[in-house]
Structures are given as structure tokens and as C-alpha cells.
Amino acid sequence: MARCPYLEYESRGAFFSQGDYYCDLCKKKLSEAEIKNKCNVDYGESYTDCPVYKNR
């Protein structure tokens, strides 16, 4: 599994499932689609195609 090193999780409650993922580079909350298709995929390294990651 290829996970972007800048993908962070911020807990909002007592349970682990209550929280949001955000990008530590661009400081924005990420959608489930962005996480699944770019930031934390089962194969490949799609996060390297992210313009924010390329320009870090």
C-alpha cells in the first residue's frame, strides 16, 4: 500500500472512526475519493502525481 507521507488523521471524538484526513502540505481536509484514489491507494504511488506534492 502506498500512502502519502503527508496524509494526516485528526481525531474529532472518542472513537477512532470519528475524524478527518487532511494534507499536511496544503493544510486542507480531503474527501474520501481523494484519499482512496490518490493519497492512500492499494498499489502504485498516485500521490506523487499530486501538484502540491511535486512542488513541496
N, C-alpha and C. Protein backbone atom coordinates (compact mmCIF):
# COMPACT_ATOMS: atom_id res chain seq x y z
N MET A 1 0.85 -1.18 0.00
CA MET A 1 0.00 0.00 0.00
C MET A 1 0.89 1.24 0.00
N ALA A 2 0.59 2.17 -0.87
CA ALA A 2 1.37 3.39 -0.97
C ALA A 2 0.59 4.55 -0.36
N ARG A 3 1.08 5.03 0.76
CA ARG A 3 0.41 6.11 1.47
C ARG A 3 1.28 7.36 1.41
N CYS A 4 0.66 8.47 1.07
CA CYS A 4 1.40 9.72 1.04
C CYS A 4 1.93 10.03 2.44
N PRO A 5 3.21 10.40 2.55
CA PRO A 5 3.78 10.69 3.87
C PRO A 5 3.18 11.95 4.51
N TYR A 6 2.46 12.75 3.75
CA TYR A 6 1.87 13.98 4.28
C TYR A 6 0.39 13.83 4.61
N LEU A 7 -0.14 12.61 4.50
CA LEU A 7 -1.53 12.34 4.86
C LEU A 7 -1.61 12.19 6.37
N GLU A 8 -2.40 13.03 7.01
CA GLU A 8 -2.54 13.01 8.47
C GLU A 8 -3.99 12.77 8.85
N TYR A 9 -4.20 12.25 10.05
CA TYR A 9 -5.54 11.99 10.56
C TYR A 9 -5.74 12.82 11.82
N GLU A 10 -6.87 13.52 11.87
CA GLU A 10 -7.19 14.35 13.03
C GLU A 10 -8.46 13.81 13.67
N SER A 11 -8.35 13.31 14.86
CA SER A 11 -9.49 12.73 15.57
C SER A 11 -10.41 13.82 16.10
N ARG A 12 -11.71 13.59 15.99
CA ARG A 12 -12.69 14.57 16.47
C ARG A 12 -13.56 14.01 17.59
N GLY A 13 -13.33 12.80 18.01
CA GLY A 13 -14.20 12.21 19.02
C GLY A 13 -13.51 11.11 19.80
N ALA A 14 -14.30 10.44 20.59
CA ALA A 14 -13.77 9.39 21.45
C ALA A 14 -13.42 8.12 20.66
N PHE A 15 -14.05 7.94 19.52
CA PHE A 15 -13.80 6.75 18.71
C PHE A 15 -12.86 7.06 17.56
N PHE A 16 -12.05 6.08 17.17
CA PHE A 16 -11.06 6.27 16.11
C PHE A 16 -11.72 6.65 14.78
N SER A 17 -12.92 6.15 14.54
CA SER A 17 -13.58 6.40 13.26
C SER A 17 -14.16 7.81 13.15
N GLN A 18 -14.11 8.58 14.21
CA GLN A 18 -14.63 9.95 14.18
C GLN A 18 -13.47 10.91 13.97
N GLY A 19 -13.30 11.34 12.73
CA GLY A 19 -12.21 12.25 12.44
C GLY A 19 -12.12 12.52 10.96
N ASP A 20 -11.13 13.29 10.60
CA ASP A 20 -10.93 13.68 9.21
C ASP A 20 -9.48 13.50 8.81
N TYR A 21 -9.28 13.19 7.54
CA TYR A 21 -7.95 13.17 6.98
C TYR A 21 -7.67 14.54 6.38
N TYR A 22 -6.43 14.96 6.48
CA TYR A 22 -6.04 16.23 5.86
C TYR A 22 -4.60 16.12 5.36
N CYS A 23 -4.29 17.00 4.41
CA CYS A 23 -2.95 17.05 3.83
C CYS A 23 -2.10 18.00 4.66
N ASP A 24 -0.98 17.51 5.13
CA ASP A 24 -0.09 18.35 5.94
C ASP A 24 0.65 19.38 5.09
N LEU A 25 0.71 19.17 3.77
CA LEU A 25 1.35 20.14 2.88
C LEU A 25 0.44 21.32 2.56
N CYS A 26 -0.78 21.03 2.12
CA CYS A 26 -1.69 22.11 1.71
C CYS A 26 -2.66 22.51 2.81
N LYS A 27 -2.65 21.79 3.93
CA LYS A 27 -3.47 22.12 5.11
C LYS A 27 -4.97 22.14 4.80
N LYS A 28 -5.44 21.20 3.96
CA LYS A 28 -6.87 21.14 3.68
C LYS A 28 -7.42 19.75 3.97
N LYS A 29 -8.69 19.72 4.32
CA LYS A 29 -9.40 18.47 4.56
C LYS A 29 -9.60 17.76 3.22
N LEU A 30 -9.43 16.45 3.23
CA LEU A 30 -9.52 15.68 2.00
C LEU A 30 -10.81 14.89 1.95
N SER A 31 -11.33 14.73 0.74
CA SER A 31 -12.54 13.93 0.56
C SER A 31 -12.17 12.45 0.56
N GLU A 32 -13.16 11.60 0.77
CA GLU A 32 -12.93 10.16 0.74
C GLU A 32 -12.39 9.71 -0.62
N ALA A 33 -12.87 10.34 -1.70
CA ALA A 33 -12.41 9.99 -3.04
C ALA A 33 -10.93 10.32 -3.22
N GLU A 34 -10.50 11.49 -2.73
CA GLU A 34 -9.08 11.87 -2.84
C GLU A 34 -8.19 10.89 -2.07
N ILE A 35 -8.64 10.50 -0.90
CA ILE A 35 -7.86 9.58 -0.08
C ILE A 35 -7.75 8.23 -0.77
N LYS A 36 -8.90 7.72 -1.24
CA LYS A 36 -8.93 6.39 -1.86
C LYS A 36 -8.19 6.35 -3.19
N ASN A 37 -8.29 7.40 -4.00
CA ASN A 37 -7.73 7.38 -5.36
C ASN A 37 -6.36 8.01 -5.50
N LYS A 38 -5.92 8.77 -4.51
CA LYS A 38 -4.64 9.46 -4.65
C LYS A 38 -3.72 9.29 -3.45
N CYS A 39 -4.22 9.52 -2.26
CA CYS A 39 -3.34 9.63 -1.09
C CYS A 39 -3.02 8.31 -0.40
N ASN A 40 -3.91 7.33 -0.50
CA ASN A 40 -3.73 6.07 0.21
C ASN A 40 -4.30 4.94 -0.64
N VAL A 41 -3.57 4.55 -1.67
CA VAL A 41 -4.06 3.55 -2.62
C VAL A 41 -3.46 2.17 -2.33
N ASP A 42 -4.09 1.14 -2.87
CA ASP A 42 -3.65 -0.23 -2.64
C ASP A 42 -2.39 -0.59 -3.43
N TYR A 43 -2.14 0.13 -4.51
CA TYR A 43 -0.98 -0.17 -5.35
C TYR A 43 -0.51 1.11 -6.04
N GLY A 44 0.72 1.10 -6.51
CA GLY A 44 1.26 2.29 -7.18
C GLY A 44 1.57 3.41 -6.20
N GLU A 45 1.94 4.54 -6.73
CA GLU A 45 2.26 5.72 -5.92
C GLU A 45 1.59 6.94 -6.52
N SER A 46 0.27 6.94 -6.55
CA SER A 46 -0.50 8.02 -7.17
C SER A 46 -0.27 9.36 -6.49
N TYR A 47 0.09 9.35 -5.23
CA TYR A 47 0.30 10.62 -4.52
C TYR A 47 1.43 11.44 -5.13
N THR A 48 2.35 10.80 -5.85
CA THR A 48 3.45 11.54 -6.46
C THR A 48 2.98 12.39 -7.65
N ASP A 49 1.77 12.13 -8.16
CA ASP A 49 1.20 12.94 -9.24
C ASP A 49 0.50 14.20 -8.73
N CYS A 50 0.35 14.32 -7.45
CA CYS A 50 -0.33 15.49 -6.85
C CYS A 50 0.55 16.73 -7.07
N PRO A 51 -0.02 17.81 -7.63
CA PRO A 51 0.77 19.03 -7.88
C PRO A 51 1.36 19.62 -6.60
N VAL A 52 0.64 19.55 -5.50
CA VAL A 52 1.15 20.08 -4.23
C VAL A 52 2.35 19.28 -3.76
N TYR A 53 2.28 17.96 -3.92
CA TYR A 53 3.40 17.10 -3.54
C TYR A 53 4.62 17.37 -4.42
N LYS A 54 4.40 17.54 -5.73
CA LYS A 54 5.51 17.79 -6.66
C LYS A 54 6.22 19.11 -6.34
N ASN A 55 5.48 20.12 -5.91
CA ASN A 55 6.02 21.45 -5.67
C ASN A 55 6.43 21.70 -4.21
N ARG A 56 6.52 20.69 -3.43
CA ARG A 56 6.81 20.88 -2.00
C ARG A 56 8.16 21.49 -1.75
